[in-house]
Protein backbone atom coordinates (compact mmCIF):
# COMPACT_ATOMS: atom_id res chain seq x y z
CA MET A 1 0.00 0.00 0.00
CA ASN A 2 1.51 3.30 -1.13
CA LYS A 3 -1.35 5.76 -1.17
CA LEU A 4 -5.06 6.41 -0.81
CA LEU A 5 -7.16 8.03 -3.50
CA ILE A 6 -10.06 9.74 -1.77
CA SER A 7 -13.28 11.34 -2.95
CA ALA A 8 -15.79 12.88 -0.56
CA SER A 9 -19.18 14.51 -0.93
CA CYS A 10 -21.54 15.95 1.68
CA GLN A 11 -24.96 17.11 0.44
CA THR A 12 -28.17 18.44 1.98
CA GLY A 13 -30.52 16.20 -0.02
CA SER A 14 -33.95 16.93 -1.46
CA VAL A 15 -36.04 17.40 1.69
CA ARG A 16 -33.97 18.82 4.55
CA THR A 17 -33.39 22.56 4.65
CA HIS A 18 -29.89 22.36 6.13
CA ASN A 19 -27.03 19.91 6.31
CA GLU A 20 -26.06 18.32 9.64
CA ASP A 21 -23.49 15.94 8.11
CA MET A 22 -19.78 16.61 7.79
CA VAL A 23 -16.76 14.76 6.35
CA LEU A 24 -13.12 15.04 7.39
CA VAL A 25 -10.27 14.12 5.04
CA ALA A 26 -6.95 14.65 6.83
CA GLY A 27 -6.94 18.43 7.40
CA GLU A 28 -10.00 19.24 5.28
CA LEU A 29 -13.57 19.61 6.58
CA ILE A 30 -16.27 19.10 3.94
CA ARG A 31 -19.93 20.16 4.02
CA ASN A 32 -22.19 21.07 1.08
CA ARG A 33 -19.45 20.36 -1.44
CA THR A 34 -17.25 17.67 -2.96
CA TYR A 35 -13.56 17.08 -2.42
CA SER A 36 -10.80 14.78 -3.63
CA ASP A 37 -7.31 14.07 -2.38
CA GLU A 38 -4.37 11.71 -2.75
CA ILE A 39 -2.57 10.76 0.45
CA ILE A 40 0.83 9.08 0.49
CA ILE A 41 1.16 6.40 3.20
CA ASP A 42 4.37 5.60 5.08
CA GLY A 43 5.34 4.47 8.56
CA HIS A 44 4.98 8.01 9.92
CA SER A 45 1.59 8.86 8.40
CA ARG A 46 -0.91 10.28 10.87
CA PHE A 47 -4.40 11.42 9.81
CA ALA A 48 -8.12 10.66 10.01
CA VAL A 49 -10.70 10.16 7.30
CA ALA A 50 -14.06 10.42 9.05
CA LEU A 51 -17.75 11.12 8.64
CA ALA A 52 -20.17 12.51 11.22
CA ASP A 53 -23.97 12.66 10.94
CA GLY A 54 -25.48 15.23 13.29
CA LEU A 55 -28.58 13.77 14.84
CA GLY A 56 -31.80 14.89 13.21
CA GLY A 57 -34.56 15.73 15.66
CA CYS A 58 -32.02 17.02 18.18
CA ASN A 59 -30.75 20.56 18.50
CA ALA A 60 -27.79 21.72 16.42
CA GLY A 61 -26.67 18.45 14.87
CA GLU A 62 -24.54 20.44 12.44
CA VAL A 63 -22.65 21.98 15.38
CA ALA A 64 -22.08 18.58 17.00
CA SER A 65 -20.70 17.02 13.81
CA LEU A 66 -18.38 20.00 13.24
CA GLU A 67 -17.20 19.94 16.86
CA ALA A 68 -16.49 16.20 16.83
CA LEU A 69 -14.51 16.20 13.56
CA THR A 70 -12.59 19.39 14.32
CA ASN A 71 -11.57 17.97 17.68
CA LEU A 72 -10.68 14.56 16.19
CA ARG A 73 -8.49 16.17 13.53
CA PHE A 74 -6.26 17.83 16.13
CA PHE A 75 -6.39 14.89 18.55
CA VAL A 76 -5.01 12.42 16.00
CA GLY A 77 -2.21 14.80 15.10
CA ASP A 78 -1.26 15.19 18.75
CA MET A 79 -1.21 11.49 19.68
CA PRO A 80 2.07 10.36 21.24
CA GLU A 81 4.34 8.03 19.31
CA GLY A 82 4.78 4.35 20.06
CA LEU A 83 1.24 3.34 21.04
CA ASP A 84 0.35 -0.33 20.62
CA ARG A 85 -3.20 -1.46 19.85
CA THR A 86 -4.22 -1.37 23.49
CA GLY A 87 -2.72 2.08 23.98
CA PHE A 88 -4.51 3.37 20.90
CA ARG A 89 -7.86 2.08 22.18
CA VAL A 90 -7.29 3.57 25.62
CA LEU A 91 -6.45 6.95 24.15
CA MET A 92 -9.45 6.93 21.79
CA ASN A 93 -11.77 6.10 24.68
CA GLU A 94 -10.27 9.00 26.60
CA TRP A 95 -11.00 11.18 23.57
CA LEU A 96 -14.62 9.99 23.55
CA GLU A 97 -15.03 10.96 27.18
CA SER A 98 -13.49 14.35 26.48
CA ILE A 99 -15.57 15.16 23.38
CA ASN A 100 -18.75 14.10 25.17
CA LEU A 101 -17.93 16.58 27.95
CA ILE A 102 -17.16 19.34 25.44
CA ILE A 103 -20.41 18.87 23.54
CA SER A 104 -22.49 18.56 26.69
CA SER A 105 -20.94 21.66 28.25
CA LYS A 106 -21.75 23.73 25.18
CA GLY A 107 -25.37 22.67 25.53
CA HIS A 108 -25.47 23.81 29.14
CA VAL A 109 -24.02 27.21 28.24
CA ASP A 110 -26.25 27.78 25.20
CA SER A 111 -29.78 26.33 25.33
CA SER A 112 -29.97 26.25 21.52
CA LEU A 113 -27.22 23.59 21.61
CA PHE A 114 -28.73 21.50 24.39
CA ASN A 115 -28.90 17.77 23.63
CA MET A 116 -26.96 18.06 20.37
CA GLY A 117 -25.26 14.89 19.19
CA THR A 118 -23.62 13.14 16.27
CA THR A 119 -22.56 9.75 14.95
CA LEU A 120 -18.97 9.04 13.93
CA VAL A 121 -17.31 6.58 11.58
CA ALA A 122 -13.62 6.87 10.81
CA MET A 123 -10.49 5.30 9.44
CA ILE A 124 -7.56 6.58 11.45
CA CYS A 125 -4.01 6.16 10.19
CA TYR A 126 -1.64 6.10 13.15
CA ASP A 127 2.04 5.79 12.23
CA GLY A 128 1.12 3.83 9.12
CA ARG A 129 -1.39 1.47 10.75
CA PHE A 130 -5.12 1.76 10.13
CA PHE A 131 -7.84 1.59 12.76
CA THR A 132 -11.59 1.76 12.21
CA VAL A 133 -13.65 3.68 14.75
CA SER A 134 -17.45 3.87 14.88
CA CYS A 135 -20.15 5.26 17.14
CA GLY A 136 -23.75 5.31 15.91
CA ASP A 137 -25.25 4.15 12.63
CA SER A 138 -22.97 5.71 10.03
CA ARG A 139 -21.28 2.88 8.16
CA LEU A 140 -17.96 1.70 6.79
CA TYR A 141 -17.96 -0.77 3.88
CA ARG A 142 -15.18 -2.56 2.02
CA LEU A 143 -15.37 -3.56 -1.63
CA ARG A 144 -12.98 -6.41 -2.46
CA ASP A 145 -13.10 -8.72 -5.48
CA GLY A 146 -16.63 -7.59 -6.29
CA GLN A 147 -17.91 -8.30 -2.77
CA LEU A 148 -19.29 -5.43 -0.68
CA THR A 149 -18.98 -6.03 3.08
CA GLN A 150 -20.20 -3.82 5.90
CA LEU A 151 -17.34 -3.59 8.42
CA THR A 152 -19.18 -1.66 11.13
CA VAL A 153 -22.21 -2.54 13.25
CA ASP A 154 -25.17 -0.16 13.37
CA HIS A 155 -25.81 1.16 16.87
CA SER A 156 -29.53 1.63 16.30
CA LEU A 157 -32.94 0.01 16.65
CA ASN A 158 -35.47 -0.21 13.85
CA THR A 159 -38.82 1.27 14.85
CA LEU A 160 -40.79 0.36 11.74
CA THR A 161 -41.09 -3.04 10.07
CA GLY A 162 -42.41 -4.58 6.89
CA ASP A 163 -42.68 -2.31 3.88
CA ALA A 164 -42.71 0.90 5.91
CA ALA A 165 -40.03 3.49 5.27
CA HIS A 166 -36.83 3.03 7.23
CA SER A 167 -36.94 4.54 10.69
CA CYS A 168 -34.54 3.92 13.54
CA VAL A 169 -33.47 5.17 16.92
CA VAL A 170 -29.73 5.65 17.39
CA THR A 171 -28.70 3.86 20.59
CA ASN A 172 -25.10 5.10 20.73
CA CYS A 173 -23.65 8.44 19.71
CA ILE A 174 -21.38 11.31 20.71
CA GLY A 175 -23.20 13.91 22.81
CA ALA A 176 -27.01 14.04 23.04
CA ASN A 177 -26.65 13.53 26.80
CA ILE A 178 -26.60 9.79 26.22
CA ALA A 179 -26.04 7.88 29.46
CA GLN A 180 -23.05 5.89 28.19
CA SER A 181 -21.48 5.91 24.74
CA TRP A 182 -18.77 3.67 23.34
CA LEU A 183 -16.49 3.27 20.34
CA ASP A 184 -16.11 0.12 18.26
CA ILE A 185 -12.39 0.05 17.39
CA SER A 186 -10.57 -2.43 15.13
CA ASP A 187 -7.05 -2.63 13.75
CA ILE A 188 -7.48 -3.58 10.08
CA SER A 189 -3.91 -2.96 8.96
CA ASP A 190 -2.99 -6.59 8.37
CA ASP A 191 -6.12 -7.22 6.29
CA MET A 192 -5.78 -4.29 3.89
CA ARG A 193 -4.86 -5.08 0.29
CA ASP A 194 -3.95 -3.11 -2.80
CA GLY A 195 -7.13 -2.67 -4.83
CA ASP A 196 -9.42 -2.54 -1.79
CA LEU A 197 -11.99 0.23 -1.75
CA TYR A 198 -13.39 1.57 1.54
CA MET A 199 -16.57 3.62 1.71
CA MET A 200 -17.97 5.58 4.63
CA CYS A 201 -21.52 6.87 4.47
CA SER A 202 -24.34 8.37 6.49
CA ASP A 203 -27.76 6.72 6.58
CA GLY A 204 -28.85 9.15 3.88
CA LEU A 205 -27.10 6.84 1.41
CA TYR A 206 -28.05 3.36 2.58
CA ASP A 207 -31.66 4.32 3.35
CA MET A 208 -32.06 5.30 -0.31
CA LEU A 209 -29.93 2.64 -2.02
CA SER A 210 -29.58 -1.06 -1.29
CA ASP A 211 -26.17 -2.64 -0.77
CA LYS A 212 -26.57 -4.27 -4.18
CA GLU A 213 -27.17 -0.90 -5.84
CA ILE A 214 -24.22 0.65 -4.00
CA CYS A 215 -21.99 -2.24 -5.07
CA GLN A 216 -23.09 -1.91 -8.68
CA LEU A 217 -22.27 1.80 -8.69
CA LEU A 218 -18.86 1.19 -7.15
CA MET A 219 -18.11 -1.60 -9.62
CA SER A 220 -19.30 0.43 -12.61
CA GLY A 221 -16.57 2.98 -12.20
CA LYS A 222 -19.19 5.62 -11.42
CA GLY A 223 -18.89 5.06 -7.73
CA ASP A 224 -17.05 8.16 -6.64
CA ALA A 225 -18.56 9.95 -3.66
CA ASP A 226 -20.45 12.59 -5.62
CA MET A 227 -22.07 10.04 -7.95
CA LEU A 228 -23.23 7.98 -4.97
CA CYS A 229 -24.73 11.06 -3.29
CA SER A 230 -26.45 12.02 -6.53
CA ALA A 231 -27.93 8.54 -6.87
CA ALA A 232 -29.31 8.72 -3.31
CA ILE A 233 -30.81 12.15 -3.98
CA GLU A 234 -32.39 10.94 -7.22
CA ALA A 235 -33.91 8.04 -5.25
CA GLY A 236 -35.64 10.48 -2.89
CA GLY A 237 -32.95 12.22 -0.90
CA TYR A 238 -35.06 12.27 2.27
CA ASP A 239 -32.05 12.96 4.49
CA ASN A 240 -28.66 14.62 4.26
CA VAL A 241 -26.34 12.28 2.39
CA SER A 242 -22.58 12.02 2.81
CA VAL A 243 -20.08 9.60 1.30
CA CYS A 244 -16.32 9.19 1.43
CA VAL A 245 -14.61 6.67 -0.85
CA ALA A 246 -10.97 5.68 -0.27
CA SER A 247 -9.18 3.41 -2.75
CA ILE A 248 -5.85 1.73 -1.97
CA ILE A 249 -3.30 1.79 -4.77
């Protein structure tokens, strides 16, 4: 693995009046626009590629997603050298506790921000190793040899069944005065291959498109982030939709 080719898109959709999603690519924060980058990987590389979906129905989801990703960007850059897997997990859990306190305190100072919260899904490169981090129902997928696999677990409960439109309650997130939040963390470094494609998305994508449709778009060569967002919007675009696609070459 020498580098990542990354495309990102973060769009409001067809129904919502504002965008509570945000994407982070290394030092760049993306909302209401598209972005692409090429990142060289070596044993000293340190950055995060992440996506946050501010919780709809709560106050100021767009503030929570911005706060979480801005804080994560600086936190990853300031991590000490020489952490093993356990040390990385301990430090990330300390970060979760810290960002929860930051977001909650803002809500107590400003009532318009009370109860704000956000999901998080990320790939963090720490000294050349890659860790996945998730909290909430934003997803990370891997496309390998034509097979699309969801690598994260949704922290949510479906509230409607049968043919009804998708509806869920997020059971784990950052902020929102949740009683106890947690991070799912995995070291995927030894299972990454040249040619792999990783895709992060908010529920605005997978609520509108099936995994089969997403896979077909990725396989067709039209599966950059903006094309995937456009397909979700054309399918209804009921929510904000954000996608980040990272290809290993």
